[in-house]
Each structure stands twice: as structure tokens, then as C-alpha cells.
Amino acid sequence: MVEDRITNGKRIAQLLSSELSGRDRGTLGNVSVVDADADADVSAEGTEAYGIGYQNERIGTVRLFPDAATVSVNRQVDTITEAARDSGLPVTDDDAIRLESGASVKRAVDALVAGLEDGR
């Protein structure tokens, strides 16, 4: 059994980036990582690491915190945040999805896909 849990914001954001850019079919085939800052590091205020693009339009931002990463979107916000909450992910007062572990990445991707498919 694996006892280690990934809780570093930068590592969580890296895992999310891999999930978002690693597919070439379906809804995720139209998703990309944009404006990536390779030198971004965690901060208490949340450092912008990269944007999320969908069909050549920037639709979101990923920020790095010491113990989490957050995903903010500007498209299908209600649908995406509702799907995130339904999967057990915390959503901040400003509608950012908070990823507190590497295990939360898949659920965040599923929430994003649900919102993007709903907005077609």
C-alpha cells in the first residue's frame, strides 16, 4: 500500500498539467496548458503557474499554494464548481477548485470535462 500522499501545490499542479495536456481525443483533446511559467513557485498568496486553454481560448488559471493548487475558470463556472463539489472537492468563496492532494486531480479533470461538455 502506498503511504505517501502528494500535498505539495507545485507537484499537484504538475500532475494536473499532465492530465490536461496528455489527451488528444474527446473534450480533453481540445484542452491545453497555456502561458506556463516554469519558474513559478508556491506562495501563500497563490502564484499563477499556467492557464487552461479550450478551443484556442483561455478559460482558466492554476495557482500554486504551499499545500494545494487551485483551478479558477471563467466558462461554465456554476456547472464546473457544482461537479467539483459533488465529487468532494472544496470550492473557495471565489469559485476556485482547491486541489489538496494528487488524488484530487482526476476529480478536478472530470469536473472540468463535465462543464465543458455541458457548455457545447
N, C-alpha and C. Protein backbone atom coordinates (compact mmCIF):
# COMPACT_ATOMS: atom_id res chain seq x y z
N MET A 1 0.84 -1.17 0.00
CA MET A 1 0.00 0.00 0.00
C MET A 1 0.89 1.24 0.00
N VAL A 2 0.49 2.25 -0.78
CA VAL A 2 1.23 3.50 -0.84
C VAL A 2 0.82 4.36 0.35
N GLU A 3 1.81 4.80 1.10
CA GLU A 3 1.53 5.60 2.29
C GLU A 3 1.78 7.08 2.03
N ASP A 4 2.57 7.41 1.00
CA ASP A 4 2.87 8.80 0.71
C ASP A 4 1.70 9.45 -0.02
N ARG A 5 1.42 10.66 0.35
CA ARG A 5 0.34 11.42 -0.26
C ARG A 5 0.94 12.73 -0.79
N ILE A 6 0.68 13.03 -2.05
CA ILE A 6 1.22 14.25 -2.64
C ILE A 6 0.36 15.42 -2.21
N THR A 7 0.98 16.34 -1.46
CA THR A 7 0.25 17.51 -0.96
C THR A 7 0.97 18.82 -1.27
N ASN A 8 2.02 18.77 -2.05
CA ASN A 8 2.74 19.97 -2.44
C ASN A 8 2.02 20.61 -3.63
N GLY A 9 1.69 21.90 -3.49
CA GLY A 9 0.93 22.58 -4.53
C GLY A 9 1.56 22.53 -5.90
N LYS A 10 2.87 22.67 -5.97
CA LYS A 10 3.56 22.66 -7.26
C LYS A 10 3.45 21.27 -7.90
N ARG A 11 3.64 20.24 -7.13
CA ARG A 11 3.56 18.88 -7.67
C ARG A 11 2.12 18.55 -8.11
N ILE A 12 1.14 18.99 -7.33
CA ILE A 12 -0.26 18.77 -7.70
C ILE A 12 -0.55 19.46 -9.04
N ALA A 13 -0.08 20.69 -9.20
CA ALA A 13 -0.29 21.42 -10.45
C ALA A 13 0.41 20.73 -11.62
N GLN A 14 1.57 20.13 -11.38
CA GLN A 14 2.26 19.39 -12.44
C GLN A 14 1.45 18.17 -12.87
N LEU A 15 0.88 17.47 -11.90
CA LEU A 15 0.04 16.31 -12.22
C LEU A 15 -1.18 16.75 -13.03
N LEU A 16 -1.79 17.86 -12.62
CA LEU A 16 -2.95 18.37 -13.34
C LEU A 16 -2.56 18.74 -14.77
N SER A 17 -1.44 19.39 -14.93
CA SER A 17 -0.97 19.77 -16.27
C SER A 17 -0.82 18.54 -17.16
N SER A 18 -0.27 17.48 -16.61
CA SER A 18 -0.10 16.24 -17.38
C SER A 18 -1.45 15.66 -17.80
N GLU A 19 -2.41 15.71 -16.91
CA GLU A 19 -3.75 15.20 -17.23
C GLU A 19 -4.42 16.04 -18.31
N LEU A 20 -4.26 17.35 -18.22
CA LEU A 20 -4.93 18.24 -19.16
C LEU A 20 -4.30 18.20 -20.55
N SER A 21 -3.01 18.02 -20.62
CA SER A 21 -2.34 18.07 -21.92
C SER A 21 -2.03 16.70 -22.49
N GLY A 22 -2.33 15.66 -21.76
CA GLY A 22 -1.94 14.32 -22.18
C GLY A 22 -2.95 13.58 -23.03
N ARG A 23 -4.06 14.20 -23.36
CA ARG A 23 -5.08 13.50 -24.14
C ARG A 23 -5.27 14.19 -25.48
N ASP A 24 -5.57 13.42 -26.49
CA ASP A 24 -5.78 14.02 -27.81
C ASP A 24 -7.14 13.68 -28.40
N ARG A 25 -8.03 13.11 -27.59
CA ARG A 25 -9.37 12.77 -28.05
C ARG A 25 -10.41 13.29 -27.09
N GLY A 26 -11.62 13.37 -27.59
CA GLY A 26 -12.72 13.82 -26.75
C GLY A 26 -12.55 15.27 -26.32
N THR A 27 -13.24 15.63 -25.27
CA THR A 27 -13.22 17.00 -24.78
C THR A 27 -11.81 17.43 -24.41
N LEU A 28 -11.05 16.56 -23.75
CA LEU A 28 -9.70 16.93 -23.35
C LEU A 28 -8.75 17.10 -24.53
N GLY A 29 -9.13 16.60 -25.68
CA GLY A 29 -8.33 16.83 -26.87
C GLY A 29 -8.30 18.30 -27.28
N ASN A 30 -9.28 19.06 -26.79
CA ASN A 30 -9.36 20.49 -27.08
C ASN A 30 -8.84 21.35 -25.94
N VAL A 31 -8.31 20.72 -24.90
CA VAL A 31 -7.79 21.44 -23.73
C VAL A 31 -6.28 21.50 -23.83
N SER A 32 -5.72 22.64 -23.43
CA SER A 32 -4.27 22.79 -23.45
C SER A 32 -3.80 23.59 -22.24
N VAL A 33 -2.54 23.43 -21.93
CA VAL A 33 -1.88 24.25 -20.91
C VAL A 33 -1.25 25.42 -21.64
N VAL A 34 -1.55 26.65 -21.21
CA VAL A 34 -1.06 27.84 -21.89
C VAL A 34 -0.36 28.77 -20.91
N ASP A 35 0.52 29.59 -21.44
CA ASP A 35 1.20 30.62 -20.64
C ASP A 35 1.86 30.05 -19.38
N ALA A 36 2.48 28.90 -19.51
CA ALA A 36 3.11 28.25 -18.36
C ALA A 36 4.35 29.02 -17.91
N ASP A 37 4.48 29.17 -16.61
CA ASP A 37 5.64 29.81 -16.01
C ASP A 37 6.48 28.72 -15.34
N ALA A 38 7.53 28.29 -16.00
CA ALA A 38 8.36 27.20 -15.49
C ALA A 38 9.03 27.55 -14.17
N ASP A 39 9.17 28.84 -13.89
CA ASP A 39 9.81 29.27 -12.64
C ASP A 39 8.83 29.54 -11.51
N ALA A 40 7.56 29.33 -11.75
CA ALA A 40 6.56 29.59 -10.71
C ALA A 40 6.81 28.70 -9.51
N ASP A 41 6.67 29.27 -8.33
CA ASP A 41 6.84 28.51 -7.10
C ASP A 41 5.69 28.84 -6.17
N VAL A 42 5.47 27.99 -5.22
CA VAL A 42 4.36 28.17 -4.29
C VAL A 42 4.52 29.46 -3.49
N SER A 43 3.38 30.03 -3.10
CA SER A 43 3.39 31.19 -2.21
C SER A 43 2.07 31.21 -1.44
N ALA A 44 2.07 31.88 -0.33
CA ALA A 44 0.86 31.98 0.49
C ALA A 44 -0.26 32.70 -0.26
N GLU A 45 0.10 33.62 -1.16
CA GLU A 45 -0.89 34.38 -1.93
C GLU A 45 -1.39 33.62 -3.14
N GLY A 46 -0.67 32.58 -3.55
CA GLY A 46 -1.02 31.80 -4.73
C GLY A 46 -0.36 32.36 -5.96
N THR A 47 0.64 31.67 -6.45
CA THR A 47 1.39 32.08 -7.64
C THR A 47 0.76 31.46 -8.88
N GLU A 48 0.53 32.28 -9.91
CA GLU A 48 -0.03 31.75 -11.15
C GLU A 48 1.02 30.86 -11.82
N ALA A 49 0.65 29.61 -12.09
CA ALA A 49 1.56 28.66 -12.71
C ALA A 49 1.32 28.54 -14.21
N TYR A 50 0.04 28.48 -14.61
CA TYR A 50 -0.30 28.36 -16.02
C TYR A 50 -1.79 28.60 -16.22
N GLY A 51 -2.13 28.78 -17.48
CA GLY A 51 -3.53 28.92 -17.84
C GLY A 51 -4.04 27.63 -18.45
N ILE A 52 -5.35 27.54 -18.52
CA ILE A 52 -6.01 26.41 -19.17
C ILE A 52 -6.70 26.96 -20.41
N GLY A 53 -6.37 26.38 -21.54
CA GLY A 53 -6.98 26.79 -22.80
C GLY A 53 -7.98 25.74 -23.27
N TYR A 54 -9.02 26.21 -23.94
CA TYR A 54 -10.02 25.31 -24.51
C TYR A 54 -10.42 25.89 -25.87
N GLN A 55 -10.22 25.12 -26.90
CA GLN A 55 -10.53 25.54 -28.27
C GLN A 55 -9.94 26.92 -28.55
N ASN A 56 -8.67 27.07 -28.25
CA ASN A 56 -7.90 28.29 -28.53
C ASN A 56 -8.35 29.52 -27.75
N GLU A 57 -9.02 29.31 -26.62
CA GLU A 57 -9.43 30.41 -25.76
C GLU A 57 -9.00 30.09 -24.33
N ARG A 58 -8.41 31.05 -23.65
CA ARG A 58 -8.02 30.84 -22.27
C ARG A 58 -9.26 30.86 -21.39
N ILE A 59 -9.47 29.77 -20.66
CA ILE A 59 -10.69 29.66 -19.85
C ILE A 59 -10.40 29.51 -18.35
N GLY A 60 -9.14 29.40 -17.97
CA GLY A 60 -8.86 29.19 -16.56
C GLY A 60 -7.43 29.46 -16.17
N THR A 61 -7.21 29.43 -14.86
CA THR A 61 -5.89 29.69 -14.28
C THR A 61 -5.63 28.70 -13.15
N VAL A 62 -4.41 28.21 -13.08
CA VAL A 62 -3.97 27.33 -12.00
C VAL A 62 -2.97 28.10 -11.15
N ARG A 63 -3.20 28.11 -9.84
CA ARG A 63 -2.33 28.82 -8.90
C ARG A 63 -1.72 27.83 -7.92
N LEU A 64 -0.50 28.17 -7.47
CA LEU A 64 0.25 27.32 -6.55
C LEU A 64 0.23 27.90 -5.14
N PHE A 65 -0.11 27.07 -4.19
CA PHE A 65 -0.04 27.38 -2.76
C PHE A 65 0.85 26.33 -2.11
N PRO A 66 1.36 26.57 -0.91
CA PRO A 66 2.25 25.58 -0.30
C PRO A 66 1.62 24.19 -0.13
N ASP A 67 0.32 24.15 0.16
CA ASP A 67 -0.32 22.87 0.46
C ASP A 67 -1.43 22.50 -0.52
N ALA A 68 -1.51 23.21 -1.65
CA ALA A 68 -2.59 22.94 -2.60
C ALA A 68 -2.33 23.70 -3.90
N ALA A 69 -3.12 23.34 -4.90
CA ALA A 69 -3.20 24.12 -6.13
C ALA A 69 -4.68 24.47 -6.30
N THR A 70 -4.95 25.57 -6.98
CA THR A 70 -6.35 25.91 -7.25
C THR A 70 -6.56 26.07 -8.74
N VAL A 71 -7.79 25.80 -9.15
CA VAL A 71 -8.19 25.98 -10.54
C VAL A 71 -9.36 26.95 -10.55
N SER A 72 -9.19 28.05 -11.26
CA SER A 72 -10.27 29.02 -11.45
C SER A 72 -10.63 29.01 -12.92
N VAL A 73 -11.92 29.02 -13.22
CA VAL A 73 -12.37 29.03 -14.61
C VAL A 73 -13.27 30.23 -14.85
N ASN A 74 -13.38 30.63 -16.11
CA ASN A 74 -14.27 31.73 -16.46
C ASN A 74 -15.33 31.30 -17.47
N ARG A 75 -15.52 30.00 -17.59
CA ARG A 75 -16.52 29.44 -18.51
C ARG A 75 -17.22 28.30 -17.79
N GLN A 76 -18.55 28.27 -17.88
CA GLN A 76 -19.34 27.22 -17.23
C GLN A 76 -18.99 27.09 -15.74
N VAL A 77 -18.80 28.22 -15.08
CA VAL A 77 -18.34 28.24 -13.69
C VAL A 77 -19.28 27.45 -12.78
N ASP A 78 -20.58 27.70 -12.86
CA ASP A 78 -21.52 27.03 -11.97
C ASP A 78 -21.52 25.52 -12.18
N THR A 79 -21.50 25.08 -13.42
CA THR A 79 -21.51 23.64 -13.71
C THR A 79 -20.23 22.98 -13.24
N ILE A 80 -19.10 23.62 -13.49
CA ILE A 80 -17.82 23.03 -13.10
C ILE A 80 -17.66 23.00 -11.58
N THR A 81 -17.99 24.09 -10.91
CA THR A 81 -17.84 24.09 -9.45
C THR A 81 -18.84 23.15 -8.78
N GLU A 82 -20.04 23.03 -9.34
CA GLU A 82 -21.02 22.08 -8.79
C GLU A 82 -20.51 20.65 -8.95
N ALA A 83 -19.95 20.33 -10.11
CA ALA A 83 -19.40 18.99 -10.33
C ALA A 83 -18.23 18.73 -9.39
N ALA A 84 -17.42 19.75 -9.14
CA ALA A 84 -16.30 19.60 -8.20
C ALA A 84 -16.81 19.33 -6.80
N ARG A 85 -17.78 20.11 -6.35
CA ARG A 85 -18.36 19.90 -5.01
C ARG A 85 -18.98 18.51 -4.90
N ASP A 86 -19.70 18.10 -5.95
CA ASP A 86 -20.35 16.78 -5.95
C ASP A 86 -19.33 15.65 -5.82
N SER A 87 -18.10 15.89 -6.30
CA SER A 87 -17.07 14.85 -6.20
C SER A 87 -16.26 14.98 -4.92
N GLY A 88 -16.63 15.92 -4.05
CA GLY A 88 -15.96 16.05 -2.76
C GLY A 88 -14.82 17.04 -2.72
N LEU A 89 -14.64 17.81 -3.79
CA LEU A 89 -13.56 18.80 -3.80
C LEU A 89 -14.04 20.11 -3.19
N PRO A 90 -13.21 20.75 -2.38
CA PRO A 90 -13.60 22.04 -1.83
C PRO A 90 -13.54 23.13 -2.91
N VAL A 91 -14.46 24.07 -2.81
CA VAL A 91 -14.51 25.22 -3.70
C VAL A 91 -14.47 26.47 -2.83
N THR A 92 -13.58 27.38 -3.15
CA THR A 92 -13.40 28.58 -2.34
C THR A 92 -14.54 29.58 -2.59
N ASP A 93 -14.58 30.62 -1.78
CA ASP A 93 -15.61 31.65 -1.93
C ASP A 93 -15.57 32.35 -3.28
N ASP A 94 -14.39 32.36 -3.91
CA ASP A 94 -14.28 32.98 -5.24
C ASP A 94 -14.35 31.94 -6.36
N ASP A 95 -14.97 30.80 -6.08
CA ASP A 95 -15.23 29.73 -7.05
C ASP A 95 -13.99 29.04 -7.60
N ALA A 96 -12.91 29.03 -6.86
CA ALA A 96 -11.72 28.26 -7.27
C ALA A 96 -11.82 26.85 -6.69
N ILE A 97 -11.51 25.88 -7.48
CA ILE A 97 -11.49 24.49 -7.02
C ILE A 97 -10.16 24.26 -6.35
N ARG A 98 -10.19 23.77 -5.12
CA ARG A 98 -8.97 23.57 -4.34
C ARG A 98 -8.55 22.11 -4.41
N LEU A 99 -7.33 21.88 -4.91
CA LEU A 99 -6.78 20.53 -5.03
C LEU A 99 -5.74 20.36 -3.92
N GLU A 100 -6.07 19.55 -2.93
CA GLU A 100 -5.22 19.40 -1.76
C GLU A 100 -4.36 18.15 -1.79
N SER A 101 -4.52 17.34 -2.83
CA SER A 101 -3.70 16.14 -2.96
C SER A 101 -3.64 15.73 -4.42
N GLY A 102 -2.66 14.90 -4.72
CA GLY A 102 -2.55 14.39 -6.08
C GLY A 102 -3.78 13.59 -6.48
N ALA A 103 -4.41 12.93 -5.51
CA ALA A 103 -5.59 12.13 -5.79
C ALA A 103 -6.78 12.97 -6.24
N SER A 104 -6.78 14.25 -5.93
CA SER A 104 -7.89 15.11 -6.31
C SER A 104 -7.84 15.55 -7.77
N VAL A 105 -6.72 15.34 -8.42
CA VAL A 105 -6.53 15.80 -9.80
C VAL A 105 -7.55 15.17 -10.75
N LYS A 106 -7.74 13.88 -10.67
CA LYS A 106 -8.68 13.19 -11.58
C LYS A 106 -10.09 13.74 -11.41
N ARG A 107 -10.50 13.99 -10.16
CA ARG A 107 -11.84 14.53 -9.91
C ARG A 107 -11.97 15.94 -10.47
N ALA A 108 -10.92 16.73 -10.38
CA ALA A 108 -10.95 18.09 -10.94
C ALA A 108 -11.06 18.04 -12.46
N VAL A 109 -10.33 17.14 -13.08
CA VAL A 109 -10.40 17.00 -14.54
C VAL A 109 -11.81 16.56 -14.94
N ASP A 110 -12.39 15.62 -14.20
CA ASP A 110 -13.75 15.18 -14.50
C ASP A 110 -14.75 16.33 -14.38
N ALA A 111 -14.58 17.19 -13.37
CA ALA A 111 -15.46 18.34 -13.20
C ALA A 111 -15.30 19.32 -14.36
N LEU A 112 -14.08 19.55 -14.78
CA LEU A 112 -13.82 20.44 -15.90
C LEU A 112 -14.45 19.90 -17.18
N VAL A 113 -14.27 18.62 -17.43
CA VAL A 113 -14.84 18.00 -18.63
C VAL A 113 -16.37 18.08 -18.59
N ALA A 114 -16.98 17.82 -17.42
CA ALA A 114 -18.43 17.89 -17.30
C ALA A 114 -18.94 19.29 -17.66
N GLY A 115 -18.25 20.30 -17.20
CA GLY A 115 -18.67 21.67 -17.51
C GLY A 115 -18.48 22.02 -18.97
N LEU A 116 -17.35 21.63 -19.53
CA LEU A 116 -17.09 21.94 -20.94
C LEU A 116 -18.04 21.21 -21.86
N GLU A 117 -18.36 19.96 -21.54
CA GLU A 117 -19.31 19.21 -22.36
C GLU A 117 -20.70 19.79 -22.24
N ASP A 118 -21.04 20.29 -21.05
CA ASP A 118 -22.35 20.88 -20.83
C ASP A 118 -22.50 22.19 -21.61
N GLY A 119 -21.39 22.88 -21.83
CA GLY A 119 -21.42 24.18 -22.49
C GLY A 119 -21.28 24.13 -24.00
N ARG A 120 -21.29 22.97 -24.56
CA ARG A 120 -21.14 22.85 -26.03
C ARG A 120 -22.23 23.54 -26.78
